[in-house]
Amino acid sequence: MMDRDLALALRSRRPCASRAYARLFDAYGEELYRACRALLRDHDSAQAALRDTFIVAGAHVHRLADAGRLREWLLAVALAECEHHRRPGAPQTPPYPGDPPEDPPPGLRLRVLSGVLGPGLDGHRAHVADRADAFDDDGFPVPPSRRRRRRARAVLPGLTVAVCAVLLMVLAVYVVARTEPERVPAWMGVPSMALPR
């Protein structure tokens, strides 16, 4: 099935949500699992990241501007979800290029689709969908690591302006104190006699 058809099925949930997710898994589930497994190097974490990838895909497929790029978009979603599932201190690099790809464990399809559609997991699904809240202009997810850098870049100009304003005020007080010590307010704690002319 073509990407556009898969994206349409996922957006409309027709003929039903379970069929749409099943088609999506059949088309890309194993490839996405292998990508998650290569990044996380752990079966359980890779399975959890794959499940959450499908949750994010179902919740945010409407953001994808070009449905023909569904495969690329799913891989980007999987990468972002792998960052959420990476254990602290785990290696940040994928295995060597010569390493053979891992085969998905038996029952992966059932476990992932049960996590995406099964009863009693509405809270987890809502949390995962809400957590994936940063997308670029094409609808691709912004991974958590890039979000942190983006937030830092957004704060930096304001911080720079504030520091410059404080430095200008200090400079102004210094200039006034040097040229007209009697005009320095007493609350600043600068005795006029102590300032050299």
C-alpha atoms as a PDB file:
ATOM      1  CA  MET A   1       0.000   0.000   0.000  1.00  0.00           C
ATOM      2  CA  MET A   2       1.338   3.420  -0.839  1.00  0.00           C
ATOM      3  CA  ASP A   3       2.265   5.958   1.832  1.00  0.00           C
ATOM      4  CA  ARG A   4      -0.582   8.284   0.885  1.00  0.00           C
ATOM      5  CA  ASP A   5      -3.115   5.479   1.318  1.00  0.00           C
ATOM      6  CA  LEU A   6      -1.611   4.483   4.663  1.00  0.00           C
ATOM      7  CA  ALA A   7      -1.647   8.090   5.891  1.00  0.00           C
ATOM      8  CA  LEU A   8      -5.259   8.507   4.756  1.00  0.00           C
ATOM      9  CA  ALA A   9      -6.288   5.290   6.510  1.00  0.00           C
ATOM     10  CA  LEU A  10      -4.563   6.423   9.698  1.00  0.00           C
ATOM     11  CA  ARG A  11      -6.115   9.900   9.536  1.00  0.00           C
ATOM     12  CA  SER A  12      -9.624   8.644   8.884  1.00  0.00           C
ATOM     13  CA  ARG A  13      -9.306   5.406  10.918  1.00  0.00           C
ATOM     14  CA  ARG A  14     -11.218   3.662   8.126  1.00  0.00           C
ATOM     15  CA  PRO A  15     -12.435   1.039   7.863  1.00  0.00           C
ATOM     16  CA  CYS A  16     -11.481   1.000  11.579  1.00  0.00           C
ATOM     17  CA  ALA A  17      -8.549   2.093  13.734  1.00  0.00           C
ATOM     18  CA  SER A  18      -7.277  -1.446  14.293  1.00  0.00           C
ATOM     19  CA  ARG A  19      -7.104  -2.119  10.544  1.00  0.00           C
ATOM     20  CA  ALA A  20      -5.331   1.195   9.915  1.00  0.00           C
ATOM     21  CA  TYR A  21      -2.682   0.461  12.552  1.00  0.00           C
ATOM     22  CA  ALA A  22      -2.336  -3.141  11.371  1.00  0.00           C
ATOM     23  CA  ARG A  23      -1.675  -1.959   7.806  1.00  0.00           C
ATOM     24  CA  LEU A  24       0.835   0.563   9.080  1.00  0.00           C
ATOM     25  CA  PHE A  25       2.619  -2.103  11.127  1.00  0.00           C
ATOM     26  CA  ASP A  26       2.672  -4.529   8.200  1.00  0.00           C
ATOM     27  CA  ALA A  27       4.242  -1.858   5.990  1.00  0.00           C
ATOM     28  CA  TYR A  28       6.781  -0.362   8.412  1.00  0.00           C
ATOM     29  CA  GLY A  29       6.668  -2.083  11.803  1.00  0.00           C
ATOM     30  CA  GLU A  30       9.712  -4.309  11.382  1.00  0.00           C
ATOM     31  CA  GLU A  31      11.815  -1.560   9.797  1.00  0.00           C
ATOM     32  CA  LEU A  32      10.909   0.847  12.606  1.00  0.00           C
ATOM     33  CA  TYR A  33      11.649  -1.813  15.221  1.00  0.00           C
ATOM     34  CA  ARG A  34      15.093  -2.416  13.721  1.00  0.00           C
ATOM     35  CA  ALA A  35      15.802   1.333  13.773  1.00  0.00           C
ATOM     36  CA  CYS A  36      14.714   1.566  17.433  1.00  0.00           C
ATOM     37  CA  ARG A  37      16.680  -1.560  18.345  1.00  0.00           C
ATOM     38  CA  ALA A  38      19.814  -0.198  16.672  1.00  0.00           C
ATOM     39  CA  LEU A  39      19.544   3.092  18.571  1.00  0.00           C
ATOM     40  CA  LEU A  40      18.497   1.748  21.962  1.00  0.00           C
ATOM     41  CA  ARG A  41      20.339  -1.609  21.882  1.00  0.00           C
ATOM     42  CA  ASP A  42      17.649  -3.179  24.035  1.00  0.00           C
ATOM     43  CA  HIS A  43      14.630  -5.260  22.977  1.00  0.00           C
ATOM     44  CA  ASP A  44      12.253  -3.962  25.637  1.00  0.00           C
ATOM     45  CA  SER A  45      13.128  -0.297  25.115  1.00  0.00           C
ATOM     46  CA  ALA A  46      12.902  -0.712  21.340  1.00  0.00           C
ATOM     47  CA  GLN A  47       9.465  -2.313  21.661  1.00  0.00           C
ATOM     48  CA  ALA A  48       8.254   0.491  23.941  1.00  0.00           C
ATOM     49  CA  ALA A  49       9.636   3.137  21.566  1.00  0.00           C
ATOM     50  CA  LEU A  50       7.920   1.427  18.623  1.00  0.00           C
ATOM     51  CA  ARG A  51       4.603   1.326  20.491  1.00  0.00           C
ATOM     52  CA  ASP A  52       4.926   5.019  21.318  1.00  0.00           C
ATOM     53  CA  THR A  53       5.895   5.766  17.709  1.00  0.00           C
ATOM     54  CA  PHE A  54       2.567   4.314  16.601  1.00  0.00           C
ATOM     55  CA  ILE A  55       0.721   6.278  19.288  1.00  0.00           C
ATOM     56  CA  VAL A  56       2.346   9.543  18.156  1.00  0.00           C
ATOM     57  CA  ALA A  57       1.699   8.653  14.512  1.00  0.00           C
ATOM     58  CA  GLY A  58      -1.998   8.136  15.155  1.00  0.00           C
ATOM     59  CA  ALA A  59      -2.311  11.318  17.198  1.00  0.00           C
ATOM     60  CA  HIS A  60      -0.289  13.598  14.923  1.00  0.00           C
ATOM     61  CA  VAL A  61      -0.485  12.218  11.369  1.00  0.00           C
ATOM     62  CA  HIS A  62      -2.610  15.248  10.446  1.00  0.00           C
ATOM     63  CA  ARG A  63       0.528  17.409  10.901  1.00  0.00           C
ATOM     64  CA  LEU A  64       2.350  15.634   8.058  1.00  0.00           C
ATOM     65  CA  ALA A  65       2.220  18.078   5.144  1.00  0.00           C
ATOM     66  CA  ASP A  66       3.165  15.551   2.445  1.00  0.00           C
ATOM     67  CA  ALA A  67       1.583  12.127   2.968  1.00  0.00           C
ATOM     68  CA  GLY A  68       3.994  10.729   0.376  1.00  0.00           C
ATOM     69  CA  ARG A  69       6.771  11.135   2.976  1.00  0.00           C
ATOM     70  CA  LEU A  70       5.078   8.898   5.553  1.00  0.00           C
ATOM     71  CA  ARG A  71       8.005   6.453   5.816  1.00  0.00           C
ATOM     72  CA  GLU A  72      10.489   9.271   6.392  1.00  0.00           C
ATOM     73  CA  TRP A  73       8.127  10.875   8.914  1.00  0.00           C
ATOM     74  CA  LEU A  74       7.658   7.615  10.825  1.00  0.00           C
ATOM     75  CA  LEU A  75      11.425   7.182  11.086  1.00  0.00           C
ATOM     76  CA  ALA A  76      11.706  10.733  12.460  1.00  0.00           C
ATOM     77  CA  VAL A  77       8.958   9.987  15.000  1.00  0.00           C
ATOM     78  CA  ALA A  78      10.771   6.774  15.979  1.00  0.00           C
ATOM     79  CA  LEU A  79      14.020   8.693  16.474  1.00  0.00           C
ATOM     80  CA  ALA A  80      12.291  11.208  18.745  1.00  0.00           C
ATOM     81  CA  GLU A  81      10.645   8.408  20.731  1.00  0.00           C
ATOM     82  CA  CYS A  82      13.972   6.592  21.079  1.00  0.00           C
ATOM     83  CA  GLU A  83      15.366   9.704  22.758  1.00  0.00           C
ATOM     84  CA  HIS A  84      12.543   9.485  25.304  1.00  0.00           C
ATOM     85  CA  HIS A  85      13.298   5.807  25.948  1.00  0.00           C
ATOM     86  CA  ARG A  86      17.090   5.999  26.077  1.00  0.00           C
ATOM     87  CA  ARG A  87      18.391   4.974  29.482  1.00  0.00           C
ATOM     88  CA  PRO A  88      20.726   7.457  31.197  1.00  0.00           C
ATOM     89  CA  GLY A  89      24.311   6.525  30.446  1.00  0.00           C
ATOM     90  CA  ALA A  90      23.390   4.347  27.455  1.00  0.00           C
ATOM     91  CA  PRO A  91      25.616   4.710  24.381  1.00  0.00           C
ATOM     92  CA  GLN A  92      24.502   7.497  22.042  1.00  0.00           C
ATOM     93  CA  THR A  93      25.805   5.886  18.871  1.00  0.00           C
ATOM     94  CA  PRO A  94      24.210   3.093  16.853  1.00  0.00           C
ATOM     95  CA  PRO A  95      26.051  -0.225  16.439  1.00  0.00           C
ATOM     96  CA  TYR A  96      28.795  -0.564  13.890  1.00  0.00           C
ATOM     97  CA  PRO A  97      27.590  -0.484  10.276  1.00  0.00           C
ATOM     98  CA  GLY A  98      28.695  -4.106   9.800  1.00  0.00           C
ATOM     99  CA  ASP A  99      26.433  -5.424  12.575  1.00  0.00           C
ATOM    100  CA  PRO A 100      23.573  -7.515  11.192  1.00  0.00           C
ATOM    101  CA  PRO A 101      20.091  -6.073  11.779  1.00  0.00           C
ATOM    102  CA  GLU A 102      18.180  -7.651  14.634  1.00  0.00           C
ATOM    103  CA  ASP A 103      15.116  -9.708  13.761  1.00  0.00           C
ATOM    104  CA  PRO A 104      11.990  -8.574  15.577  1.00  0.00           C
ATOM    105  CA  PRO A 105      11.003 -10.845  18.469  1.00  0.00           C
ATOM    106  CA  PRO A 106       8.013 -13.147  17.999  1.00  0.00           C
ATOM    107  CA  GLY A 107       4.698 -11.540  18.897  1.00  0.00           C
ATOM    108  CA  LEU A 108       5.974  -7.985  18.391  1.00  0.00           C
ATOM    109  CA  ARG A 109       3.040  -7.035  16.173  1.00  0.00           C
ATOM    110  CA  LEU A 110       0.479  -8.173  18.754  1.00  0.00           C
ATOM    111  CA  ARG A 111       2.261  -6.456  21.661  1.00  0.00           C
ATOM    112  CA  VAL A 112       2.653  -3.152  19.830  1.00  0.00           C
ATOM    113  CA  LEU A 113      -0.886  -3.060  18.471  1.00  0.00           C
ATOM    114  CA  SER A 114      -2.274  -4.045  21.894  1.00  0.00           C
ATOM    115  CA  GLY A 115      -0.399  -1.124  23.438  1.00  0.00           C
ATOM    116  CA  VAL A 116      -1.738   1.229  20.789  1.00  0.00           C
ATOM    117  CA  LEU A 117      -5.349   0.045  20.814  1.00  0.00           C
ATOM    118  CA  GLY A 118      -5.909  -2.002  23.955  1.00  0.00           C
ATOM    119  CA  PRO A 119      -8.228  -1.003  26.786  1.00  0.00           C
ATOM    120  CA  GLY A 120      -6.926   0.505  30.002  1.00  0.00           C
ATOM    121  CA  LEU A 121      -4.035   2.387  28.434  1.00  0.00           C
ATOM    122  CA  ASP A 122      -5.804   5.647  27.604  1.00  0.00           C
ATOM    123  CA  GLY A 123      -3.748   7.592  30.149  1.00  0.00           C
ATOM    124  CA  HIS A 124      -0.454   6.388  28.702  1.00  0.00           C
ATOM    125  CA  ARG A 125      -1.586   7.082  25.150  1.00  0.00           C
ATOM    126  CA  ALA A 126      -2.705  10.611  26.084  1.00  0.00           C
ATOM    127  CA  HIS A 127       0.618  11.260  27.851  1.00  0.00           C
ATOM    128  CA  VAL A 128       2.661  10.093  24.846  1.00  0.00           C
ATOM    129  CA  ALA A 129       0.543  12.089  22.384  1.00  0.00           C
ATOM    130  CA  ASP A 130       0.839  15.249  24.541  1.00  0.00           C
ATOM    131  CA  ARG A 131       4.570  14.767  25.049  1.00  0.00           C
ATOM    132  CA  ALA A 132       5.097  14.868  21.268  1.00  0.00           C
ATOM    133  CA  ASP A 133       4.244  18.542  20.950  1.00  0.00           C
ATOM    134  CA  ALA A 134       7.032  20.017  18.807  1.00  0.00           C
ATOM    135  CA  PHE A 135       6.834  19.754  15.021  1.00  0.00           C
ATOM    136  CA  ASP A 136       8.553  21.670  12.244  1.00  0.00           C
ATOM    137  CA  ASP A 137       6.858  23.363   9.282  1.00  0.00           C
ATOM    138  CA  ASP A 138       6.642  20.088   7.329  1.00  0.00           C
ATOM    139  CA  GLY A 139       5.030  18.314  10.262  1.00  0.00           C
ATOM    140  CA  PHE A 140       8.153  16.373  11.243  1.00  0.00           C
ATOM    141  CA  PRO A 141       8.771  15.942  14.965  1.00  0.00           C
ATOM    142  CA  VAL A 142      11.518  17.923  16.614  1.00  0.00           C
ATOM    143  CA  PRO A 143      13.521  15.481  18.789  1.00  0.00           C
ATOM    144  CA  PRO A 144      13.878  16.368  22.484  1.00  0.00           C
ATOM    145  CA  SER A 145      17.600  17.142  22.103  1.00  0.00           C
ATOM    146  CA  ARG A 146      16.894  19.754  19.403  1.00  0.00           C
ATOM    147  CA  ARG A 147      14.045  21.205  21.493  1.00  0.00           C
ATOM    148  CA  ARG A 148      16.436  21.856  24.380  1.00  0.00           C
ATOM    149  CA  ARG A 149      18.877  23.621  22.045  1.00  0.00           C
ATOM    150  CA  ARG A 150      16.013  25.597  20.489  1.00  0.00           C
ATOM    151  CA  ARG A 151      14.792  26.702  23.940  1.00  0.00           C
ATOM    152  CA  ALA A 152      18.328  27.756  24.892  1.00  0.00           C
ATOM    153  CA  ARG A 153      18.621  29.778  21.681  1.00  0.00           C
ATOM    154  CA  ALA A 154      15.257  31.402  22.404  1.00  0.00           C
ATOM    155  CA  VAL A 155      16.340  32.439  25.921  1.00  0.00           C
ATOM    156  CA  LEU A 156      19.808  33.628  24.926  1.00  0.00           C
ATOM    157  CA  PRO A 157      18.794  36.921  23.222  1.00  0.00           C
ATOM    158  CA  GLY A 158      16.679  37.999  26.193  1.00  0.00           C
ATOM    159  CA  LEU A 159      19.429  37.088  28.604  1.00  0.00           C
ATOM    160  CA  THR A 160      21.949  39.036  26.530  1.00  0.00           C
ATOM    161  CA  VAL A 161      19.720  42.127  26.539  1.00  0.00           C
ATOM    162  CA  ALA A 162      19.254  41.884  30.319  1.00  0.00           C
ATOM    163  CA  VAL A 163      23.000  41.560  30.954  1.00  0.00           C
ATOM    164  CA  CYS A 164      23.734  44.494  28.626  1.00  0.00           C
ATOM    165  CA  ALA A 165      21.107  46.629  30.393  1.00  0.00           C
ATOM    166  CA  VAL A 166      22.634  45.890  33.805  1.00  0.00           C
ATOM    167  CA  LEU A 167      26.128  46.648  32.510  1.00  0.00           C
ATOM    168  CA  LEU A 168      24.930  49.952  31.027  1.00  0.00           C
ATOM    169  CA  MET A 169      23.331  50.926  34.335  1.00  0.00           C
ATOM    170  CA  VAL A 170      26.536  50.100  36.223  1.00  0.00           C
ATOM    171  CA  LEU A 171      28.555  52.067  33.691  1.00  0.00           C
ATOM    172  CA  ALA A 172      26.192  55.039  33.985  1.00  0.00           C
ATOM    173  CA  VAL A 173      26.460  55.028  37.787  1.00  0.00           C
ATOM    174  CA  TYR A 174      30.243  54.774  37.523  1.00  0.00           C
ATOM    175  CA  VAL A 175      30.438  57.716  35.108  1.00  0.00           C
ATOM    176  CA  VAL A 176      28.148  59.847  37.278  1.00  0.00           C
ATOM    177  CA  ALA A 177      30.106  58.900  40.412  1.00  0.00           C
ATOM    178  CA  ARG A 178      33.396  59.835  38.755  1.00  0.00           C
ATOM    179  CA  THR A 179      32.191  63.152  37.348  1.00  0.00           C
ATOM    180  CA  GLU A 180      29.598  64.259  39.905  1.00  0.00           C
ATOM    181  CA  PRO A 181      30.002  62.281  43.153  1.00  0.00           C
ATOM    182  CA  GLU A 182      27.444  64.440  44.972  1.00  0.00           C
ATOM    183  CA  ARG A 183      24.717  63.146  42.594  1.00  0.00           C
ATOM    184  CA  VAL A 184      25.256  59.487  43.560  1.00  0.00           C
ATOM    185  CA  PRO A 185      22.305  58.464  45.772  1.00  0.00           C
ATOM    186  CA  ALA A 186      23.169  57.512  49.334  1.00  0.00           C
ATOM    187  CA  TRP A 187      21.329  54.206  49.030  1.00  0.00           C
ATOM    188  CA  MET A 188      24.002  53.033  46.578  1.00  0.00           C
ATOM    189  CA  GLY A 189      26.464  52.969  49.434  1.00  0.00           C
ATOM    190  CA  VAL A 190      29.163  54.893  47.566  1.00  0.00           C
ATOM    191  CA  PRO A 191      30.522  57.617  49.818  1.00  0.00           C
ATOM    192  CA  SER A 192      31.376  60.625  47.701  1.00  0.00           C
ATOM    193  CA  MET A 193      34.593  61.257  49.622  1.00  0.00           C
ATOM    194  CA  ALA A 194      35.955  57.825  48.647  1.00  0.00           C
ATOM    195  CA  LEU A 195      35.743  58.450  44.930  1.00  0.00           C
ATOM    196  CA  PRO A 196      38.841  59.894  43.285  1.00  0.00           C
ATOM    197  CA  ARG A 197      38.436  62.814  40.886  1.00  0.00           C
END
